[in-house]
Amino acid sequence: MQIGNRLFETEKHTYIMGILNVTPDSFSDGGKFRRLDQALFHVGRMIKEGADLIDVGGESTRPGHQQISEEEEIQRISPIVEQVKARFDIPVSIDTYKARVAMAAVNAGADLINDIWGFKYDGQMAGIVAKAGIPCCLMHNRSQAGYQELMRELAADLQESLEIAARAGIPKDRIILDPGIGFGKDYRDNLEAISKLGELGKLGYPMLLGASRKSVIGLTLDLPVTERVEGTLVTTTFAVLSHCAFVRVHDVKENKRAIQMAEAIRDGWQG
């Protein structure tokens, strides 16, 4: 898969999407990287530690988050995207579900659109992605949890997003799927979705897992958000063993090492 100027061999390796939240209220690192100098320093650090692409978010989507206007979100993300693209040689993703924000990000240089509603929130989003000719990540989401058969319904919901993408003319080779850990799922749903990632791989698209520091880890280990690195590394190991193409994480160095070890165990013995 081509993202920006880089080719990602999604069938062979798990890549790291480093998280850059330029928000005051994100659940894990809200307020840390709002200033341009802070954000750029953090990007440089993530790249040094092994990030393969950077995901910029301008609005917190944690449970109970306060939605902000498109104008405010654009003001937050556009300068960051422009400067990251100007200063670093790395693909940049924009984490948004709003078409106007996505267009502004594309104009600023974004290489991928990461939509937590899988094209189901804003009817113009798929068309913007198609016109821009860039890849997208379509995440599974629902307004609330409640499943009779989680994995079957999750796959069906993602199929609806794929159909929206197809109608807009987005090629299959520009689509990544995300099971949406922490979105429209309860604690047990999240555990099941992680444990059965391989089933979603049967849809035939590269997969992304975004479980870094999330509540499923905190609830399992009874730990605050600042102490969830080890739990995140376990989810990343599951991603590697399930042949996920990407993990979206806060702690790049630690997850890079976990991927290297898990891939060595998975593939190394084959010579």
Protein backbone atom coordinates (compact mmCIF):
# COMPACT_ATOMS: atom_id res chain seq x y z
CA MET A 1 0.00 0.00 0.00
CA GLN A 2 1.31 3.42 -0.97
CA ILE A 3 0.88 6.10 1.73
CA GLY A 4 2.51 9.38 0.83
CA ASN A 5 5.97 8.68 -0.56
CA ARG A 6 6.32 5.34 1.20
CA LEU A 7 5.35 1.81 0.21
CA PHE A 8 4.03 -0.30 3.10
CA GLU A 9 4.32 -4.07 2.72
CA THR A 10 1.17 -4.72 4.71
CA GLU A 11 1.17 -8.50 4.25
CA LYS A 12 4.66 -8.91 5.71
CA HIS A 13 5.09 -6.45 8.57
CA THR A 14 3.28 -4.56 11.32
CA TYR A 15 3.97 -0.83 11.10
CA ILE A 16 3.68 1.82 13.80
CA MET A 17 1.29 4.75 13.55
CA GLY A 18 2.46 7.23 16.17
CA ILE A 19 -0.27 9.25 17.89
CA LEU A 20 -0.08 13.05 17.95
CA ASN A 21 -3.07 14.57 19.76
CA VAL A 22 -3.12 18.37 19.45
CA THR A 23 -6.07 18.57 21.84
CA PRO A 24 -6.58 19.83 25.39
CA ASP A 25 -8.72 16.87 26.48
CA SER A 26 -7.58 13.56 24.93
CA PHE A 27 -7.88 10.73 27.45
CA SER A 28 -4.16 9.97 27.64
CA ASP A 29 -2.10 12.98 26.63
CA GLY A 30 -4.54 15.88 26.35
CA GLY A 31 -2.81 19.27 26.43
CA LYS A 32 0.75 17.99 26.12
CA PHE A 33 1.28 18.82 22.44
CA ARG A 34 -1.02 21.77 21.69
CA ARG A 35 1.80 24.20 20.92
CA LEU A 36 3.54 23.82 17.58
CA ASP A 37 7.01 23.44 19.10
CA GLN A 38 5.78 20.75 21.50
CA ALA A 39 4.08 18.87 18.69
CA LEU A 40 7.10 18.97 16.39
CA PHE A 41 9.45 17.87 19.16
CA HIS A 42 7.19 14.90 19.87
CA VAL A 43 7.02 13.98 16.19
CA GLY A 44 10.80 14.04 15.97
CA ARG A 45 11.02 11.81 19.02
CA MET A 46 8.48 9.31 17.64
CA ILE A 47 10.34 9.13 14.34
CA LYS A 48 13.64 8.53 16.15
CA GLU A 49 11.99 5.74 18.15
CA GLY A 50 10.67 4.04 15.02
CA ALA A 51 7.30 5.47 13.97
CA ASP A 52 6.41 4.72 10.35
CA LEU A 53 3.65 7.32 10.04
CA ILE A 54 2.10 10.00 12.26
CA ASP A 55 -1.61 10.28 13.05
CA VAL A 56 -2.72 13.82 13.92
CA GLY A 57 -5.91 14.33 15.90
CA GLY A 58 -7.55 17.69 16.56
CA GLU A 59 -10.63 16.56 18.49
CA SER A 60 -10.76 14.11 21.37
CA THR A 61 -13.06 11.16 20.67
CA ARG A 62 -12.83 9.62 24.14
CA PRO A 63 -16.16 8.55 25.71
CA GLY A 64 -18.14 11.64 26.68
CA HIS A 65 -15.96 13.97 24.62
CA GLN A 66 -17.07 17.49 23.72
CA GLN A 67 -17.46 17.93 19.98
CA ILE A 68 -15.81 21.04 18.59
CA SER A 69 -16.59 23.04 15.47
CA GLU A 70 -15.04 22.23 12.11
CA GLU A 71 -13.34 25.63 12.13
CA GLU A 72 -11.65 25.02 15.47
CA GLU A 73 -10.53 21.54 14.46
CA ILE A 74 -9.08 22.91 11.20
CA GLN A 75 -7.22 25.63 13.10
CA ARG A 76 -5.71 22.99 15.35
CA ILE A 77 -4.58 20.49 12.75
CA SER A 78 -3.70 22.41 9.57
CA PRO A 79 -0.54 24.18 10.85
CA ILE A 80 0.65 20.95 12.46
CA VAL A 81 0.20 18.90 9.29
CA GLU A 82 1.92 21.57 7.19
CA GLN A 83 4.92 21.79 9.50
CA VAL A 84 5.32 18.04 9.97
CA LYS A 85 5.29 17.57 6.20
CA ALA A 86 7.76 20.45 5.75
CA ARG A 87 10.23 19.27 8.40
CA PHE A 88 10.03 15.49 8.37
CA ASP A 89 10.07 12.80 5.70
CA ILE A 90 7.17 10.72 7.03
CA PRO A 91 3.59 10.08 5.92
CA VAL A 92 0.91 11.91 7.92
CA SER A 93 -2.59 10.70 8.71
CA ILE A 94 -5.43 12.91 9.93
CA ASP A 95 -7.84 11.50 12.51
CA THR A 96 -11.22 13.07 11.66
CA TYR A 97 -14.76 12.12 10.69
CA LYS A 98 -15.65 15.54 9.22
CA ALA A 99 -15.35 16.16 5.49
CA ARG A 100 -14.35 19.83 5.72
CA VAL A 101 -11.59 19.00 8.18
CA ALA A 102 -10.39 16.19 5.96
CA MET A 103 -10.25 18.53 2.95
CA ALA A 104 -8.26 21.11 4.92
CA ALA A 105 -5.87 18.38 6.05
CA VAL A 106 -5.41 17.16 2.48
CA ASN A 107 -4.67 20.73 1.38
CA ALA A 108 -2.11 20.94 4.19
CA GLY A 109 -0.42 17.76 2.95
CA ALA A 110 -2.09 14.84 4.76
CA ASP A 111 -1.47 11.45 3.16
CA LEU A 112 -4.25 9.35 4.76
CA ILE A 113 -7.70 9.95 6.27
CA ASN A 114 -8.48 8.01 9.45
CA ASP A 115 -12.27 8.09 9.95
CA ILE A 116 -13.59 6.71 13.26
CA TRP A 117 -17.08 6.47 11.76
CA GLY A 118 -16.05 4.60 8.61
CA PHE A 119 -17.66 7.14 6.23
CA LYS A 120 -21.01 6.87 8.06
CA TYR A 121 -21.00 10.24 9.86
CA ASP A 122 -20.41 12.69 7.03
CA GLY A 123 -21.86 11.82 3.64
CA GLN A 124 -19.22 13.86 1.83
CA MET A 125 -16.21 12.15 3.37
CA ALA A 126 -15.89 9.25 0.93
CA GLY A 127 -16.07 11.59 -2.06
CA ILE A 128 -13.33 13.80 -0.66
CA VAL A 129 -11.05 10.82 -0.10
CA ALA A 130 -11.76 9.53 -3.59
CA LYS A 131 -11.07 12.92 -5.19
CA ALA A 132 -7.85 13.35 -3.21
CA GLY A 133 -6.65 9.92 -4.36
CA ILE A 134 -5.26 9.03 -0.95
CA PRO A 135 -5.77 5.99 1.31
CA CYS A 136 -8.20 5.82 4.19
CA CYS A 137 -8.69 3.87 7.40
CA LEU A 138 -12.30 2.89 8.07
CA MET A 139 -13.04 2.14 11.70
CA HIS A 140 -15.95 0.18 13.12
CA ASN A 141 -18.20 2.23 15.35
CA ARG A 142 -21.71 2.24 16.78
CA SER A 143 -23.58 4.71 18.95
CA GLN A 144 -23.78 2.09 21.70
CA ALA A 145 -22.82 -1.48 22.44
CA GLY A 146 -25.24 -4.39 22.13
CA TYR A 147 -24.47 -7.38 19.93
CA GLN A 148 -25.96 -10.81 19.43
CA GLU A 149 -22.87 -12.07 17.60
CA LEU A 150 -20.05 -9.55 17.84
CA MET A 151 -17.63 -10.57 15.10
CA ARG A 152 -20.32 -11.30 12.53
CA GLU A 153 -21.99 -7.95 13.17
CA LEU A 154 -18.68 -6.11 13.28
CA ALA A 155 -17.75 -7.54 9.87
CA ALA A 156 -21.19 -6.64 8.49
CA ASP A 157 -20.89 -3.06 9.74
CA LEU A 158 -17.45 -2.73 8.16
CA GLN A 159 -18.84 -4.14 4.93
CA GLU A 160 -21.30 -1.24 4.88
CA SER A 161 -18.37 1.18 5.10
CA LEU A 162 -16.63 -0.67 2.30
CA GLU A 163 -19.72 -0.34 0.12
CA ILE A 164 -19.78 3.42 0.71
CA ALA A 165 -16.12 3.55 -0.32
CA ALA A 166 -16.80 1.48 -3.44
CA ARG A 167 -19.67 3.72 -4.52
CA ALA A 168 -17.38 6.73 -4.19
CA GLY A 169 -14.79 5.06 -6.39
CA ILE A 170 -12.09 4.40 -3.78
CA PRO A 171 -9.91 1.46 -4.90
CA LYS A 172 -9.57 -1.54 -2.60
CA ASP A 173 -5.82 -1.07 -2.37
CA ARG A 174 -6.33 2.29 -0.63
CA ILE A 175 -8.39 0.97 2.29
CA ILE A 176 -7.39 -0.08 5.81
CA LEU A 177 -9.90 -1.49 8.32
CA ASP A 178 -9.95 -0.93 12.09
CA PRO A 179 -12.11 -2.97 14.54
CA GLY A 180 -12.65 0.12 16.68
CA ILE A 181 -11.47 -0.91 20.14
CA GLY A 182 -13.21 1.28 22.71
CA PHE A 183 -15.90 2.51 20.33
CA GLY A 184 -19.46 1.17 20.56
CA LYS A 185 -18.28 -1.85 22.54
CA ASP A 186 -18.28 -2.89 26.17
CA TYR A 187 -15.34 -4.41 28.05
CA ARG A 188 -15.93 -8.00 26.92
CA ASP A 189 -16.63 -6.92 23.34
CA ASN A 190 -13.24 -5.20 23.24
CA LEU A 191 -11.43 -8.27 24.54
CA GLU A 192 -13.19 -10.48 22.00
CA ALA A 193 -12.45 -8.12 19.11
CA ILE A 194 -8.75 -8.14 19.96
CA SER A 195 -8.60 -11.90 20.42
CA LYS A 196 -10.35 -12.53 17.08
CA LEU A 197 -8.56 -9.97 14.91
CA GLY A 198 -7.62 -12.69 12.46
CA GLU A 199 -11.27 -13.20 11.56
CA LEU A 200 -11.50 -9.65 10.24
CA GLY A 201 -8.45 -10.28 8.11
CA LYS A 202 -10.65 -12.57 6.05
CA LEU A 203 -12.34 -9.46 4.63
CA GLY A 204 -9.19 -9.05 2.56
CA TYR A 205 -7.94 -5.64 3.70
CA PRO A 206 -4.96 -4.50 5.80
CA MET A 207 -5.95 -4.18 9.45
CA LEU A 208 -5.09 -1.52 12.03
CA LEU A 209 -5.38 -2.06 15.78
CA GLY A 210 -5.74 0.97 18.03
CA ALA A 211 -5.78 -0.26 21.63
CA SER A 212 -2.98 1.85 23.09
CA ARG A 213 -3.60 2.75 26.77
CA LYS A 214 -7.36 2.26 26.36
CA SER A 215 -9.90 1.41 29.04
CA VAL A 216 -9.95 -2.30 28.16
CA ILE A 217 -6.36 -2.40 29.43
CA GLY A 218 -7.09 -0.24 32.45
CA LEU A 219 -10.07 -2.36 33.46
CA THR A 220 -8.18 -5.62 33.02
CA LEU A 221 -5.12 -4.55 34.99
CA ASP A 222 -6.80 -2.00 37.29
CA LEU A 223 -4.26 0.62 36.27
CA PRO A 224 -4.45 4.33 35.40
CA VAL A 225 -3.80 5.51 31.87
CA THR A 226 -0.17 6.38 32.72
CA GLU A 227 0.62 2.75 33.59
CA ARG A 228 -0.77 0.81 30.65
CA VAL A 229 2.33 0.32 28.52
CA GLU A 230 2.73 -3.39 29.29
CA GLY A 231 -0.93 -4.07 28.56
CA THR A 232 -0.61 -2.20 25.28
CA LEU A 233 2.40 -4.32 24.32
CA VAL A 234 0.30 -7.47 24.74
CA THR A 235 -2.34 -6.08 22.36
CA THR A 236 0.41 -5.21 19.90
CA THR A 237 1.73 -8.77 20.10
CA PHE A 238 -1.76 -10.05 19.33
CA ALA A 239 -1.83 -7.67 16.35
CA VAL A 240 1.43 -9.08 15.00
CA LEU A 241 0.32 -12.69 15.45
CA SER A 242 -2.94 -11.79 13.70
CA HIS A 243 -1.02 -10.22 10.79
CA CYS A 244 -2.31 -6.70 11.41
CA ALA A 245 -0.59 -4.20 9.16
CA PHE A 246 -0.60 -1.28 11.63
CA VAL A 247 -0.83 -0.51 15.32
CA ARG A 248 -1.75 2.99 16.46
CA VAL A 249 0.20 3.69 19.67
CA HIS A 250 1.46 6.34 22.07
CA ASP A 251 4.66 4.59 23.22
CA VAL A 252 6.60 4.06 20.02
CA LYS A 253 9.93 2.70 21.28
CA GLU A 254 8.40 -0.02 23.44
CA ASN A 255 5.92 -1.11 20.77
CA LYS A 256 8.64 -1.17 18.10
CA ARG A 257 10.61 -3.64 20.21
CA ALA A 258 7.52 -5.75 20.87
CA ILE A 259 6.79 -5.95 17.14
CA GLN A 260 10.36 -6.94 16.35
CA MET A 261 10.28 -9.73 18.92
CA ALA A 262 6.82 -10.98 17.97
CA GLU A 263 7.69 -11.04 14.26
CA ALA A 264 10.90 -12.92 15.01
CA ILE A 265 8.91 -15.58 16.88
CA ARG A 266 6.20 -15.68 14.20
CA ASP A 267 8.48 -15.70 11.16
CA GLY A 268 12.10 -16.09 12.17
CA TRP A 269 12.11 -19.83 12.73
CA GLN A 270 11.11 -20.29 9.08
CA GLY A 271 14.54 -19.09 8.08
